[in-house]
């Protein structure tokens, strides 16, 4: 996973799938491309790159409650 571009890991979505991720705490959104598998920690659905996490304001907290929508 490249930390400088908007990418994410998901356990089952196909590689290349575009997903809109919205931080539920502040309403900020980012579109990411699935390019990895994971996360493998119970209760987590997506693992965002540092760039994507920064765009939605969750770098300092490390985790956040998000909504996601497959867009392509």
PDB file of N, CA and C in Angstrom:
ATOM      1  N   UNK A   1       0.847  -1.176   0.000  1.00  0.00           N
ATOM      2  CA  UNK A   1       0.000   0.000   0.000  1.00  0.00           C
ATOM      3  C   UNK A   1       0.889   1.233   0.000  1.00  0.00           C
ATOM      4  N   UNK A   2       0.607   2.152  -0.897  1.00  0.00           N
ATOM      5  CA  UNK A   2       1.392   3.383  -1.006  1.00  0.00           C
ATOM      6  C   UNK A   2       0.797   4.441  -0.081  1.00  0.00           C
ATOM      7  N   UNK A   3       1.557   4.935   0.905  1.00  0.00           N
ATOM      8  CA  UNK A   3       1.005   5.898   1.866  1.00  0.00           C
ATOM      9  C   UNK A   3       0.757   7.285   1.295  1.00  0.00           C
ATOM     10  N   UNK A   4       1.233   7.567   0.081  1.00  0.00           N
ATOM     11  CA  UNK A   4       1.110   8.917  -0.466  1.00  0.00           C
ATOM     12  C   UNK A   4      -0.050   9.098  -1.439  1.00  0.00           C
ATOM     13  N   UNK A   5      -0.789   8.031  -1.729  1.00  0.00           N
ATOM     14  CA  UNK A   5      -1.955   8.157  -2.606  1.00  0.00           C
ATOM     15  C   UNK A   5      -3.190   7.617  -1.887  1.00  0.00           C
ATOM     16  N   UNK A   6      -4.364   7.957  -2.390  1.00  0.00           N
ATOM     17  CA  UNK A   6      -5.624   7.584  -1.739  1.00  0.00           C
ATOM     18  C   UNK A   6      -5.993   6.141  -2.085  1.00  0.00           C
ATOM     19  N   UNK A   7      -5.508   5.231  -1.252  1.00  0.00           N
ATOM     20  CA  UNK A   7      -5.791   3.813  -1.433  1.00  0.00           C
ATOM     21  C   UNK A   7      -6.289   3.230  -0.115  1.00  0.00           C
ATOM     22  N   UNK A   8      -6.784   1.994  -0.191  1.00  0.00           N
ATOM     23  CA  UNK A   8      -7.288   1.333   1.011  1.00  0.00           C
ATOM     24  C   UNK A   8      -7.207  -0.173   0.853  1.00  0.00           C
ATOM     25  N   UNK A   9      -7.284  -0.847   1.988  1.00  0.00           N
ATOM     26  CA  UNK A   9      -7.349  -2.307   2.009  1.00  0.00           C
ATOM     27  C   UNK A   9      -8.745  -2.716   2.472  1.00  0.00           C
ATOM     28  N   UNK A  10      -9.261  -3.790   1.884  1.00  0.00           N
ATOM     29  CA  UNK A  10     -10.550  -4.363   2.258  1.00  0.00           C
ATOM     30  C   UNK A  10     -10.431  -5.868   2.087  1.00  0.00           C
ATOM     31  N   UNK A  11     -11.112  -6.627   2.927  1.00  0.00           N
ATOM     32  CA  UNK A  11     -10.972  -8.087   2.886  1.00  0.00           C
ATOM     33  C   UNK A  11     -11.524  -8.733   1.627  1.00  0.00           C
ATOM     34  N   UNK A  12     -12.614  -8.193   1.051  1.00  0.00           N
ATOM     35  CA  UNK A  12     -13.244  -8.918  -0.053  1.00  0.00           C
ATOM     36  C   UNK A  12     -13.552  -8.096  -1.306  1.00  0.00           C
ATOM     37  N   UNK A  13     -13.553  -6.784  -1.248  1.00  0.00           N
ATOM     38  CA  UNK A  13     -13.826  -5.999  -2.453  1.00  0.00           C
ATOM     39  C   UNK A  13     -12.719  -6.230  -3.477  1.00  0.00           C
ATOM     40  N   UNK A  14     -13.087  -6.235  -4.742  1.00  0.00           N
ATOM     41  CA  UNK A  14     -12.123  -6.473  -5.817  1.00  0.00           C
ATOM     42  C   UNK A  14     -11.093  -5.347  -5.883  1.00  0.00           C
ATOM     43  N   UNK A  15      -9.859  -5.729  -6.217  1.00  0.00           N
ATOM     44  CA  UNK A  15      -8.831  -4.725  -6.429  1.00  0.00           C
ATOM     45  C   UNK A  15      -9.280  -3.782  -7.538  1.00  0.00           C
ATOM     46  N   UNK A  16      -9.034  -2.495  -7.350  1.00  0.00           N
ATOM     47  CA  UNK A  16      -9.435  -1.491  -8.325  1.00  0.00           C
ATOM     48  C   UNK A  16     -10.782  -0.859  -8.035  1.00  0.00           C
ATOM     49  N   UNK A  17     -11.556  -1.429  -7.112  1.00  0.00           N
ATOM     50  CA  UNK A  17     -12.856  -0.869  -6.752  1.00  0.00           C
ATOM     51  C   UNK A  17     -12.663   0.500  -6.127  1.00  0.00           C
ATOM     52  N   UNK A  18     -13.477   1.463  -6.552  1.00  0.00           N
ATOM     53  CA  UNK A  18     -13.426   2.798  -5.958  1.00  0.00           C
ATOM     54  C   UNK A  18     -14.504   2.898  -4.882  1.00  0.00           C
ATOM     55  N   UNK A  19     -14.122   3.465  -3.749  1.00  0.00           N
ATOM     56  CA  UNK A  19     -15.001   3.556  -2.589  1.00  0.00           C
ATOM     57  C   UNK A  19     -14.950   4.971  -2.036  1.00  0.00           C
ATOM     58  N   UNK A  20     -16.115   5.553  -1.784  1.00  0.00           N
ATOM     59  CA  UNK A  20     -16.190   6.854  -1.125  1.00  0.00           C
ATOM     60  C   UNK A  20     -16.288   6.592   0.376  1.00  0.00           C
ATOM     61  N   UNK A  21     -15.337   7.137   1.138  1.00  0.00           N
ATOM     62  CA  UNK A  21     -15.273   6.945   2.587  1.00  0.00           C
ATOM     63  C   UNK A  21     -15.537   8.277   3.255  1.00  0.00           C
ATOM     64  N   UNK A  22     -16.490   8.298   4.199  1.00  0.00           N
ATOM     65  CA  UNK A  22     -16.860   9.526   4.905  1.00  0.00           C
ATOM     66  C   UNK A  22     -16.635   9.344   6.390  1.00  0.00           C
ATOM     67  N   UNK A  23     -15.900  10.268   6.991  1.00  0.00           N
ATOM     68  CA  UNK A  23     -15.676  10.283   8.434  1.00  0.00           C
ATOM     69  C   UNK A  23     -16.967  10.753   9.090  1.00  0.00           C
ATOM     70  N   UNK A  24     -17.561   9.923   9.935  1.00  0.00           N
ATOM     71  CA  UNK A  24     -18.838  10.264  10.564  1.00  0.00           C
ATOM     72  C   UNK A  24     -18.714  11.378  11.590  1.00  0.00           C
ATOM     73  N   UNK A  25     -17.503  11.623  12.099  1.00  0.00           N
ATOM     74  CA  UNK A  25     -17.330  12.670  13.112  1.00  0.00           C
ATOM     75  C   UNK A  25     -17.291  14.070  12.524  1.00  0.00           C
ATOM     76  N   UNK A  26     -16.765  14.215  11.288  1.00  0.00           N
ATOM     77  CA  UNK A  26     -16.638  15.562  10.726  1.00  0.00           C
ATOM     78  C   UNK A  26     -17.246  15.726   9.338  1.00  0.00           C
ATOM     79  N   UNK A  27     -17.753  14.655   8.744  1.00  0.00           N
ATOM     80  CA  UNK A  27     -18.419  14.732   7.446  1.00  0.00           C
ATOM     81  C   UNK A  27     -17.478  14.808   6.248  1.00  0.00           C
ATOM     82  N   UNK A  28     -16.178  14.795   6.469  1.00  0.00           N
ATOM     83  CA  UNK A  28     -15.231  14.864   5.361  1.00  0.00           C
ATOM     84  C   UNK A  28     -15.160  13.530   4.637  1.00  0.00           C
ATOM     85  N   UNK A  29     -15.004  13.593   3.297  1.00  0.00           N
ATOM     86  CA  UNK A  29     -15.001  12.390   2.461  1.00  0.00           C
ATOM     87  C   UNK A  29     -13.774  12.330   1.571  1.00  0.00           C
ATOM     88  N   UNK A  30     -13.451  11.114   1.147  1.00  0.00           N
ATOM     89  CA  UNK A  30     -12.363  10.881   0.202  1.00  0.00           C
ATOM     90  C   UNK A  30     -12.734   9.658  -0.636  1.00  0.00           C
ATOM     91  N   UNK A  31     -12.304   9.657  -1.890  1.00  0.00           N
ATOM     92  CA  UNK A  31     -12.491   8.487  -2.747  1.00  0.00           C
ATOM     93  C   UNK A  31     -11.165   7.737  -2.786  1.00  0.00           C
ATOM     94  N   UNK A  32     -11.225   6.451  -2.475  1.00  0.00           N
ATOM     95  CA  UNK A  32     -10.026   5.605  -2.455  1.00  0.00           C
ATOM     96  C   UNK A  32     -10.195   4.455  -3.425  1.00  0.00           C
ATOM     97  N   UNK A  33      -9.078   3.866  -3.812  1.00  0.00           N
ATOM     98  CA  UNK A  33      -9.077   2.677  -4.665  1.00  0.00           C
ATOM     99  C   UNK A  33      -8.562   1.515  -3.833  1.00  0.00           C
ATOM    100  N   UNK A  34      -9.282   0.395  -3.861  1.00  0.00           N
ATOM    101  CA  UNK A  34      -8.869  -0.796  -3.124  1.00  0.00           C
ATOM    102  C   UNK A  34      -7.686  -1.433  -3.851  1.00  0.00           C
ATOM    103  N   UNK A  35      -6.574  -1.590  -3.126  1.00  0.00           N
ATOM    104  CA  UNK A  35      -5.392  -2.192  -3.750  1.00  0.00           C
ATOM    105  C   UNK A  35      -4.658  -3.155  -2.810  1.00  0.00           C
ATOM    106  N   UNK A  36      -5.319  -3.545  -1.722  1.00  0.00           N
ATOM    107  CA  UNK A  36      -4.660  -4.434  -0.758  1.00  0.00           C
ATOM    108  C   UNK A  36      -5.726  -5.206   0.012  1.00  0.00           C
ATOM    109  N   UNK A  37      -5.325  -6.255   0.718  1.00  0.00           N
ATOM    110  CA  UNK A  37      -6.212  -7.027   1.570  1.00  0.00           C
ATOM    111  C   UNK A  37      -5.993  -6.643   3.022  1.00  0.00           C
ATOM    112  N   UNK A  38      -7.042  -6.711   3.794  1.00  0.00           N
ATOM    113  CA  UNK A  38      -6.984  -6.365   5.210  1.00  0.00           C
ATOM    114  C   UNK A  38      -8.174  -5.483   5.508  1.00  0.00           C
ATOM    115  N   UNK A  39      -8.292  -4.921   6.628  1.00  0.00           N
ATOM    116  CA  UNK A  39      -7.461  -5.141   7.807  1.00  0.00           C
ATOM    117  C   UNK A  39      -7.839  -6.465   8.475  1.00  0.00           C
ATOM    118  N   UNK A  40      -6.937  -6.983   9.259  1.00  0.00           N
ATOM    119  CA  UNK A  40      -7.171  -8.266   9.908  1.00  0.00           C
ATOM    120  C   UNK A  40      -7.314  -8.109  11.420  1.00  0.00           C
ATOM    121  N   UNK A  41      -7.897  -6.994  11.807  1.00  0.00           N
ATOM    122  CA  UNK A  41      -8.184  -6.713  13.210  1.00  0.00           C
ATOM    123  C   UNK A  41      -9.701  -6.697  13.368  1.00  0.00           C
ATOM    124  N   UNK A  42     -10.216  -7.456  14.335  1.00  0.00           N
ATOM    125  CA  UNK A  42     -11.656  -7.574  14.548  1.00  0.00           C
ATOM    126  C   UNK A  42     -12.292  -6.195  14.691  1.00  0.00           C
ATOM    127  N   UNK A  43     -13.416  -5.995  14.010  1.00  0.00           N
ATOM    128  CA  UNK A  43     -14.170  -4.757  14.111  1.00  0.00           C
ATOM    129  C   UNK A  43     -13.783  -3.698  13.101  1.00  0.00           C
ATOM    130  N   UNK A  44     -12.728  -3.933  12.332  1.00  0.00           N
ATOM    131  CA  UNK A  44     -12.307  -2.961  11.325  1.00  0.00           C
ATOM    132  C   UNK A  44     -12.650  -3.472   9.944  1.00  0.00           C
ATOM    133  N   UNK A  45     -13.097  -2.549   9.076  1.00  0.00           N
ATOM    134  CA  UNK A  45     -13.555  -2.926   7.745  1.00  0.00           C
ATOM    135  C   UNK A  45     -12.596  -2.441   6.669  1.00  0.00           C
ATOM    136  N   UNK A  46     -12.065  -1.239   6.833  1.00  0.00           N
ATOM    137  CA  UNK A  46     -11.149  -0.644   5.865  1.00  0.00           C
ATOM    138  C   UNK A  46      -9.859  -0.241   6.552  1.00  0.00           C
ATOM    139  N   UNK A  47      -8.781  -0.276   5.800  1.00  0.00           N
ATOM    140  CA  UNK A  47      -7.506   0.240   6.264  1.00  0.00           C
ATOM    141  C   UNK A  47      -7.075   1.277   5.236  1.00  0.00           C
ATOM    142  N   UNK A  48      -7.106   2.561   5.610  1.00  0.00           N
ATOM    143  CA  UNK A  48      -6.795   3.638   4.676  1.00  0.00           C
ATOM    144  C   UNK A  48      -5.312   3.958   4.654  1.00  0.00           C
ATOM    145  N   UNK A  49      -4.842   4.405   3.486  1.00  0.00           N
ATOM    146  CA  UNK A  49      -3.473   4.912   3.405  1.00  0.00           C
ATOM    147  C   UNK A  49      -3.379   6.198   4.228  1.00  0.00           C
ATOM    148  N   UNK A  50      -2.158   6.608   4.538  1.00  0.00           N
ATOM    149  CA  UNK A  50      -1.961   7.831   5.324  1.00  0.00           C
ATOM    150  C   UNK A  50      -2.547   9.049   4.590  1.00  0.00           C
ATOM    151  N   UNK A  51      -2.389   9.118   3.275  1.00  0.00           N
ATOM    152  CA  UNK A  51      -2.924  10.239   2.503  1.00  0.00           C
ATOM    153  C   UNK A  51      -4.450  10.313   2.620  1.00  0.00           C
ATOM    154  N   UNK A  52      -5.113   9.172   2.490  1.00  0.00           N
ATOM    155  CA  UNK A  52      -6.572   9.131   2.588  1.00  0.00           C
ATOM    156  C   UNK A  52      -7.025   9.489   4.000  1.00  0.00           C
ATOM    157  N   UNK A  53      -6.325   8.953   5.007  1.00  0.00           N
ATOM    158  CA  UNK A  53      -6.670   9.252   6.394  1.00  0.00           C
ATOM    159  C   UNK A  53      -6.504  10.737   6.683  1.00  0.00           C
ATOM    160  N   UNK A  54      -5.465  11.331   6.127  1.00  0.00           N
ATOM    161  CA  UNK A  54      -5.230  12.764   6.312  1.00  0.00           C
ATOM    162  C   UNK A  54      -6.355  13.587   5.687  1.00  0.00           C
ATOM    163  N   UNK A  55      -6.825  13.167   4.514  1.00  0.00           N
ATOM    164  CA  UNK A  55      -7.888  13.898   3.815  1.00  0.00           C
ATOM    165  C   UNK A  55      -9.199  13.932   4.595  1.00  0.00           C
ATOM    166  N   UNK A  56      -9.460  12.919   5.408  1.00  0.00           N
ATOM    167  CA  UNK A  56     -10.709  12.921   6.170  1.00  0.00           C
ATOM    168  C   UNK A  56     -10.486  13.224   7.656  1.00  0.00           C
ATOM    169  N   UNK A  57      -9.275  13.639   8.000  1.00  0.00           N
ATOM    170  CA  UNK A  57      -9.002  14.115   9.355  1.00  0.00           C
ATOM    171  C   UNK A  57      -8.934  13.041  10.416  1.00  0.00           C
ATOM    172  N   UNK A  58      -8.292  11.911  10.106  1.00  0.00           N
ATOM    173  CA  UNK A  58      -8.212  10.856  11.126  1.00  0.00           C
ATOM    174  C   UNK A  58      -6.791  10.372  11.393  1.00  0.00           C
ATOM    175  N   UNK A  59      -5.786  11.109  10.947  1.00  0.00           N
ATOM    176  CA  UNK A  59      -4.407  10.686  11.175  1.00  0.00           C
ATOM    177  C   UNK A  59      -4.063  10.724  12.662  1.00  0.00           C
ATOM    178  N   UNK A  60      -4.462  11.772  13.350  1.00  0.00           N
ATOM    179  CA  UNK A  60      -4.089  11.903  14.762  1.00  0.00           C
ATOM    180  C   UNK A  60      -4.763  10.858  15.645  1.00  0.00           C
ATOM    181  N   UNK A  61      -5.982  10.445  15.294  1.00  0.00           N
ATOM    182  CA  UNK A  61      -6.688   9.451  16.105  1.00  0.00           C
ATOM    183  C   UNK A  61      -6.345   8.018  15.701  1.00  0.00           C
ATOM    184  N   UNK A  62      -5.972   7.828  14.445  1.00  0.00           N
ATOM    185  CA  UNK A  62      -5.611   6.492  13.967  1.00  0.00           C
ATOM    186  C   UNK A  62      -6.783   5.649  13.518  1.00  0.00           C
ATOM    187  N   UNK A  63      -7.916   5.798  14.165  1.00  0.00           N
ATOM    188  CA  UNK A  63      -9.134   5.096  13.759  1.00  0.00           C
ATOM    189  C   UNK A  63     -10.301   6.069  13.830  1.00  0.00           C
ATOM    190  N   UNK A  64     -11.353   5.765  13.097  1.00  0.00           N
ATOM    191  CA  UNK A  64     -12.550   6.605  13.123  1.00  0.00           C
ATOM    192  C   UNK A  64     -13.737   5.781  12.653  1.00  0.00           C
ATOM    193  N   UNK A  65     -14.902   6.177  13.079  1.00  0.00           N
ATOM    194  CA  UNK A  65     -16.126   5.574  12.560  1.00  0.00           C
ATOM    195  C   UNK A  65     -16.390   6.220  11.209  1.00  0.00           C
ATOM    196  N   UNK A  66     -16.542   5.381  10.195  1.00  0.00           N
ATOM    197  CA  UNK A  66     -16.750   5.886   8.839  1.00  0.00           C
ATOM    198  C   UNK A  66     -17.931   5.183   8.195  1.00  0.00           C
ATOM    199  N   UNK A  67     -18.463   5.825   7.175  1.00  0.00           N
ATOM    200  CA  UNK A  67     -19.441   5.206   6.277  1.00  0.00           C
ATOM    201  C   UNK A  67     -18.716   5.045   4.952  1.00  0.00           C
ATOM    202  N   UNK A  68     -19.011   3.974   4.228  1.00  0.00           N
ATOM    203  CA  UNK A  68     -18.394   3.838   2.912  1.00  0.00           C
ATOM    204  C   UNK A  68     -19.413   3.366   1.900  1.00  0.00           C
ATOM    205  N   UNK A  69     -19.179   3.782   0.653  1.00  0.00           N
ATOM    206  CA  UNK A  69     -20.091   3.483  -0.446  1.00  0.00           C
ATOM    207  C   UNK A  69     -19.267   3.109  -1.669  1.00  0.00           C
ATOM    208  N   UNK A  70     -19.541   1.960  -2.249  1.00  0.00           N
ATOM    209  CA  UNK A  70     -18.862   1.548  -3.471  1.00  0.00           C
ATOM    210  C   UNK A  70     -19.389   2.404  -4.612  1.00  0.00           C
ATOM    211  N   UNK A  71     -18.480   3.057  -5.335  1.00  0.00           N
ATOM    212  CA  UNK A  71     -18.906   3.934  -6.428  1.00  0.00           C
ATOM    213  C   UNK A  71     -18.389   3.480  -7.796  1.00  0.00           C
ATOM    214  N   UNK A  72     -17.625   2.439  -7.836  1.00  0.00           N
ATOM    215  CA  UNK A  72     -17.150   1.963  -9.134  1.00  0.00           C
ATOM    216  C   UNK A  72     -16.068   0.952  -9.053  1.00  0.00           C
TER     217      UNK A  72
END
